[in-house]
Amino acid sequence: MDPSYLEFVNIREHVSFVHQKEQPKALDMAKEQIRAGVARAAKLEMVPERVVPVTDAVLVIGGGVGGLQSALDLANQGHKVYLVEQKPTIGGKMSMLDRTFPTDDCSI
């Protein structure tokens, strides 16, 4: 079966948990969810598969502490990293601090 023809109906999350104490209502809701899922599935169209070239490059958005650490970790794993920051300097909120807790080290 082509995966583009697959439709899920989440009865557990959307019906069973919501209507635990109202079983007749839960049954009606489950039937309605299934009817809706079948109606959606009837309109699904096949999505053709494409083979695309994959590169070992990573885009990290944000030059704050988390972005910088992520970029370093990925670079150390051998990935080519592109780091994008909207501000003219990197460091995020840390660049606004003079000292950091608990060691009182310079934050820059």
N, C-alpha and C. Protein backbone atom coordinates (compact mmCIF):
# COMPACT_ATOMS: atom_id res chain seq x y z
N MET A 1 0.85 -1.18 0.00
CA MET A 1 0.00 0.00 0.00
C MET A 1 0.89 1.24 0.00
N ASP A 2 0.55 2.16 -0.84
CA ASP A 2 1.30 3.41 -0.92
C ASP A 2 1.06 4.23 0.35
N PRO A 3 2.12 4.69 1.03
CA PRO A 3 1.94 5.44 2.28
C PRO A 3 1.18 6.75 2.12
N SER A 4 1.10 7.28 0.91
CA SER A 4 0.35 8.53 0.73
C SER A 4 -1.15 8.30 0.82
N TYR A 5 -1.58 7.03 0.84
CA TYR A 5 -3.00 6.72 1.00
C TYR A 5 -3.36 6.38 2.44
N LEU A 6 -2.49 6.66 3.37
CA LEU A 6 -2.70 6.30 4.77
C LEU A 6 -3.34 7.46 5.53
N GLU A 7 -4.36 7.16 6.31
CA GLU A 7 -5.04 8.17 7.13
C GLU A 7 -5.21 7.60 8.53
N PHE A 8 -4.87 8.37 9.54
CA PHE A 8 -4.99 7.94 10.93
C PHE A 8 -6.20 8.59 11.59
N VAL A 9 -6.85 7.83 12.45
CA VAL A 9 -7.91 8.36 13.30
C VAL A 9 -7.50 8.05 14.73
N ASN A 10 -7.28 9.08 15.53
CA ASN A 10 -6.78 8.91 16.89
C ASN A 10 -7.95 8.86 17.88
N ILE A 11 -8.55 7.70 18.01
CA ILE A 11 -9.72 7.55 18.89
C ILE A 11 -9.30 7.62 20.35
N ARG A 12 -8.14 7.09 20.66
CA ARG A 12 -7.69 7.09 22.06
C ARG A 12 -7.58 8.50 22.62
N GLU A 13 -6.87 9.38 21.91
CA GLU A 13 -6.65 10.74 22.41
C GLU A 13 -7.87 11.62 22.27
N HIS A 14 -8.58 11.50 21.15
CA HIS A 14 -9.67 12.43 20.86
C HIS A 14 -11.03 11.97 21.34
N VAL A 15 -11.16 10.69 21.71
CA VAL A 15 -12.46 10.19 22.14
C VAL A 15 -12.38 9.52 23.50
N SER A 16 -11.56 8.47 23.62
CA SER A 16 -11.53 7.67 24.85
C SER A 16 -11.14 8.49 26.07
N PHE A 17 -10.09 9.27 25.95
CA PHE A 17 -9.65 10.06 27.10
C PHE A 17 -10.62 11.19 27.42
N VAL A 18 -11.25 11.75 26.41
CA VAL A 18 -12.13 12.89 26.61
C VAL A 18 -13.46 12.47 27.22
N HIS A 19 -13.97 11.32 26.81
CA HIS A 19 -15.31 10.87 27.24
C HIS A 19 -15.22 9.58 28.05
N GLN A 20 -14.35 9.51 29.03
CA GLN A 20 -14.16 8.29 29.81
C GLN A 20 -15.41 7.86 30.55
N LYS A 21 -16.18 8.81 31.03
CA LYS A 21 -17.35 8.47 31.86
C LYS A 21 -18.65 8.50 31.06
N GLU A 22 -18.57 8.74 29.78
CA GLU A 22 -19.77 8.82 28.94
C GLU A 22 -19.61 7.86 27.77
N GLN A 23 -19.74 6.56 28.03
CA GLN A 23 -19.46 5.57 26.99
C GLN A 23 -20.38 5.65 25.78
N PRO A 24 -21.69 5.88 25.94
CA PRO A 24 -22.51 6.01 24.73
C PRO A 24 -22.06 7.19 23.85
N LYS A 25 -21.72 8.31 24.49
CA LYS A 25 -21.24 9.47 23.74
C LYS A 25 -19.89 9.16 23.09
N ALA A 26 -19.04 8.44 23.81
CA ALA A 26 -17.73 8.07 23.28
C ALA A 26 -17.89 7.20 22.04
N LEU A 27 -18.83 6.25 22.08
CA LEU A 27 -19.05 5.38 20.93
C LEU A 27 -19.53 6.19 19.72
N ASP A 28 -20.46 7.12 19.95
CA ASP A 28 -20.93 7.97 18.85
C ASP A 28 -19.80 8.82 18.28
N MET A 29 -18.98 9.37 19.17
CA MET A 29 -17.85 10.19 18.73
C MET A 29 -16.85 9.35 17.94
N ALA A 30 -16.58 8.13 18.40
CA ALA A 30 -15.64 7.25 17.70
C ALA A 30 -16.15 6.93 16.29
N LYS A 31 -17.44 6.64 16.19
CA LYS A 31 -18.03 6.36 14.88
C LYS A 31 -17.89 7.57 13.96
N GLU A 32 -18.13 8.75 14.51
CA GLU A 32 -18.02 9.98 13.71
C GLU A 32 -16.57 10.22 13.27
N GLN A 33 -15.63 9.96 14.18
CA GLN A 33 -14.21 10.12 13.83
C GLN A 33 -13.83 9.16 12.70
N ILE A 34 -14.31 7.93 12.78
CA ILE A 34 -14.00 6.94 11.74
C ILE A 34 -14.64 7.36 10.41
N ARG A 35 -15.89 7.82 10.45
CA ARG A 35 -16.54 8.29 9.23
C ARG A 35 -15.75 9.44 8.60
N ALA A 36 -15.30 10.37 9.44
CA ALA A 36 -14.52 11.51 8.93
C ALA A 36 -13.19 11.04 8.35
N GLY A 37 -12.55 10.08 9.01
CA GLY A 37 -11.28 9.54 8.50
C GLY A 37 -11.45 8.85 7.16
N VAL A 38 -12.52 8.09 7.02
CA VAL A 38 -12.79 7.42 5.74
C VAL A 38 -13.07 8.45 4.65
N ALA A 39 -13.81 9.50 4.99
CA ALA A 39 -14.10 10.56 4.01
C ALA A 39 -12.81 11.27 3.58
N ARG A 40 -11.91 11.52 4.54
CA ARG A 40 -10.62 12.14 4.19
C ARG A 40 -9.80 11.19 3.32
N ALA A 41 -9.79 9.90 3.69
CA ALA A 41 -9.00 8.92 2.94
C ALA A 41 -9.50 8.78 1.51
N ALA A 42 -10.80 8.93 1.30
CA ALA A 42 -11.36 8.81 -0.04
C ALA A 42 -10.86 9.91 -0.97
N LYS A 43 -10.42 11.02 -0.41
CA LYS A 43 -9.96 12.15 -1.22
C LYS A 43 -8.43 12.21 -1.35
N LEU A 44 -7.74 11.27 -0.72
CA LEU A 44 -6.28 11.28 -0.80
C LEU A 44 -5.81 10.96 -2.21
N GLU A 45 -4.72 11.56 -2.60
CA GLU A 45 -4.11 11.30 -3.90
C GLU A 45 -2.69 10.80 -3.69
N MET A 46 -2.24 10.01 -4.65
CA MET A 46 -0.89 9.47 -4.55
C MET A 46 0.13 10.60 -4.67
N VAL A 47 1.10 10.58 -3.79
CA VAL A 47 2.20 11.55 -3.84
C VAL A 47 3.40 10.82 -4.43
N PRO A 48 3.87 11.27 -5.59
CA PRO A 48 5.00 10.56 -6.21
C PRO A 48 6.27 10.73 -5.38
N GLU A 49 7.04 9.65 -5.33
CA GLU A 49 8.31 9.71 -4.60
C GLU A 49 9.35 10.37 -5.48
N ARG A 50 10.21 11.15 -4.84
CA ARG A 50 11.31 11.79 -5.55
C ARG A 50 12.60 11.44 -4.84
N VAL A 51 13.61 11.22 -5.61
CA VAL A 51 14.94 11.01 -5.05
C VAL A 51 15.67 12.35 -5.13
N VAL A 52 16.09 12.84 -3.98
CA VAL A 52 16.79 14.12 -3.94
C VAL A 52 18.18 13.92 -3.36
N PRO A 53 19.14 14.67 -3.85
CA PRO A 53 20.49 14.54 -3.29
C PRO A 53 20.53 15.09 -1.86
N VAL A 54 21.25 14.40 -1.02
CA VAL A 54 21.37 14.80 0.38
C VAL A 54 22.80 15.24 0.64
N THR A 55 22.94 16.37 1.29
CA THR A 55 24.28 16.84 1.65
C THR A 55 24.46 16.69 3.15
N ASP A 56 25.69 16.70 3.56
CA ASP A 56 26.00 16.55 4.98
C ASP A 56 26.19 17.93 5.62
N ALA A 57 25.38 18.89 5.21
CA ALA A 57 25.47 20.24 5.75
C ALA A 57 24.27 20.52 6.64
N VAL A 58 24.47 21.39 7.63
CA VAL A 58 23.43 21.70 8.60
C VAL A 58 23.28 23.22 8.70
N LEU A 59 22.04 23.68 8.76
CA LEU A 59 21.76 25.10 8.97
C LEU A 59 21.31 25.27 10.42
N VAL A 60 22.04 26.08 11.17
CA VAL A 60 21.67 26.40 12.55
C VAL A 60 21.19 27.84 12.54
N ILE A 61 19.95 28.05 12.97
CA ILE A 61 19.38 29.39 12.99
C ILE A 61 19.44 29.93 14.41
N GLY A 62 20.19 31.00 14.60
CA GLY A 62 20.31 31.62 15.91
C GLY A 62 21.71 31.47 16.46
N GLY A 63 22.35 32.60 16.74
CA GLY A 63 23.71 32.59 17.26
C GLY A 63 23.77 32.82 18.75
N GLY A 64 22.72 32.42 19.47
CA GLY A 64 22.75 32.49 20.92
C GLY A 64 23.56 31.33 21.48
N VAL A 65 23.50 31.16 22.78
CA VAL A 65 24.28 30.11 23.43
C VAL A 65 23.91 28.73 22.88
N GLY A 66 22.61 28.47 22.77
CA GLY A 66 22.16 27.17 22.27
C GLY A 66 22.56 26.94 20.82
N GLY A 67 22.40 27.95 19.99
CA GLY A 67 22.79 27.83 18.59
C GLY A 67 24.28 27.62 18.41
N LEU A 68 25.07 28.36 19.19
CA LEU A 68 26.52 28.22 19.11
C LEU A 68 26.96 26.83 19.56
N GLN A 69 26.38 26.34 20.65
CA GLN A 69 26.75 25.02 21.14
C GLN A 69 26.34 23.94 20.15
N SER A 70 25.14 24.09 19.57
CA SER A 70 24.69 23.12 18.57
C SER A 70 25.61 23.13 17.36
N ALA A 71 25.99 24.32 16.91
CA ALA A 71 26.88 24.43 15.76
C ALA A 71 28.23 23.78 16.05
N LEU A 72 28.76 24.01 17.24
CA LEU A 72 30.04 23.39 17.62
C LEU A 72 29.93 21.87 17.68
N ASP A 73 28.87 21.37 18.31
CA ASP A 73 28.68 19.92 18.43
C ASP A 73 28.57 19.27 17.05
N LEU A 74 27.79 19.89 16.17
CA LEU A 74 27.62 19.33 14.82
C LEU A 74 28.92 19.40 14.02
N ALA A 75 29.65 20.50 14.15
CA ALA A 75 30.93 20.63 13.45
C ALA A 75 31.92 19.59 13.96
N ASN A 76 31.93 19.34 15.26
CA ASN A 76 32.82 18.33 15.83
C ASN A 76 32.46 16.92 15.37
N GLN A 77 31.22 16.73 14.93
CA GLN A 77 30.80 15.42 14.40
C GLN A 77 31.11 15.30 12.91
N GLY A 78 31.69 16.34 12.33
CA GLY A 78 32.09 16.29 10.93
C GLY A 78 31.12 16.91 9.95
N HIS A 79 30.07 17.54 10.42
CA HIS A 79 29.11 18.18 9.52
C HIS A 79 29.58 19.58 9.15
N LYS A 80 29.27 19.99 7.92
CA LYS A 80 29.50 21.38 7.53
C LYS A 80 28.35 22.19 8.10
N VAL A 81 28.66 23.26 8.84
CA VAL A 81 27.63 24.02 9.55
C VAL A 81 27.54 25.43 8.99
N TYR A 82 26.31 25.86 8.72
CA TYR A 82 26.03 27.25 8.37
C TYR A 82 25.27 27.84 9.54
N LEU A 83 25.83 28.85 10.17
CA LEU A 83 25.22 29.51 11.33
C LEU A 83 24.66 30.85 10.88
N VAL A 84 23.37 31.07 11.11
CA VAL A 84 22.70 32.30 10.70
C VAL A 84 22.21 33.03 11.94
N GLU A 85 22.54 34.31 12.04
CA GLU A 85 22.11 35.16 13.16
C GLU A 85 21.60 36.47 12.59
N GLN A 86 20.46 36.93 13.07
CA GLN A 86 19.88 38.17 12.53
C GLN A 86 20.56 39.43 13.04
N LYS A 87 21.18 39.36 14.20
CA LYS A 87 21.85 40.53 14.76
C LYS A 87 23.29 40.59 14.26
N PRO A 88 23.94 41.74 14.37
CA PRO A 88 25.32 41.85 13.88
C PRO A 88 26.35 41.10 14.72
N THR A 89 25.97 40.69 15.94
CA THR A 89 26.91 39.96 16.79
C THR A 89 26.28 38.65 17.24
N ILE A 90 27.13 37.70 17.62
CA ILE A 90 26.63 36.43 18.14
C ILE A 90 26.68 36.45 19.66
N GLY A 91 26.04 35.50 20.28
CA GLY A 91 26.06 35.40 21.73
C GLY A 91 24.70 35.55 22.36
N GLY A 92 23.75 36.10 21.63
CA GLY A 92 22.39 36.25 22.14
C GLY A 92 22.34 37.07 23.42
N LYS A 93 21.52 36.63 24.37
CA LYS A 93 21.37 37.35 25.64
C LYS A 93 22.66 37.34 26.46
N MET A 94 23.49 36.30 26.28
CA MET A 94 24.74 36.22 27.04
C MET A 94 25.66 37.39 26.72
N SER A 95 25.58 37.92 25.51
CA SER A 95 26.47 39.03 25.15
C SER A 95 26.11 40.31 25.89
N MET A 96 24.93 40.35 26.52
CA MET A 96 24.53 41.53 27.29
C MET A 96 25.01 41.47 28.74
N LEU A 97 25.49 40.29 29.15
CA LEU A 97 25.91 40.12 30.55
C LEU A 97 27.40 40.41 30.70
N ASP A 98 27.75 40.92 31.86
CA ASP A 98 29.15 41.18 32.16
C ASP A 98 29.79 39.93 32.77
N ARG A 99 29.11 39.33 33.73
CA ARG A 99 29.61 38.14 34.43
C ARG A 99 28.50 37.09 34.48
N THR A 100 28.91 35.82 34.60
CA THR A 100 27.91 34.74 34.66
C THR A 100 28.00 33.98 35.97
N PHE A 101 26.87 33.48 36.42
CA PHE A 101 26.76 32.68 37.63
C PHE A 101 27.08 31.24 37.29
N PRO A 102 27.64 30.43 38.10
CA PRO A 102 28.07 30.64 39.48
C PRO A 102 29.55 30.99 39.60
N THR A 103 30.29 30.96 38.49
CA THR A 103 31.74 31.14 38.59
C THR A 103 32.17 32.59 38.48
N ASP A 104 31.25 33.48 38.15
CA ASP A 104 31.53 34.90 37.98
C ASP A 104 32.56 35.14 36.87
N ASP A 105 32.56 34.22 35.88
CA ASP A 105 33.46 34.38 34.73
C ASP A 105 32.92 35.47 33.81
N CYS A 106 33.81 35.99 33.00
CA CYS A 106 33.40 36.95 31.98
C CYS A 106 32.55 36.20 30.96
N SER A 107 31.42 36.78 30.59
CA SER A 107 30.51 36.07 29.70
C SER A 107 30.89 36.20 28.23
N ILE A 108 31.82 37.07 27.92
CA ILE A 108 32.17 37.30 26.52
C ILE A 108 33.29 36.39 26.08
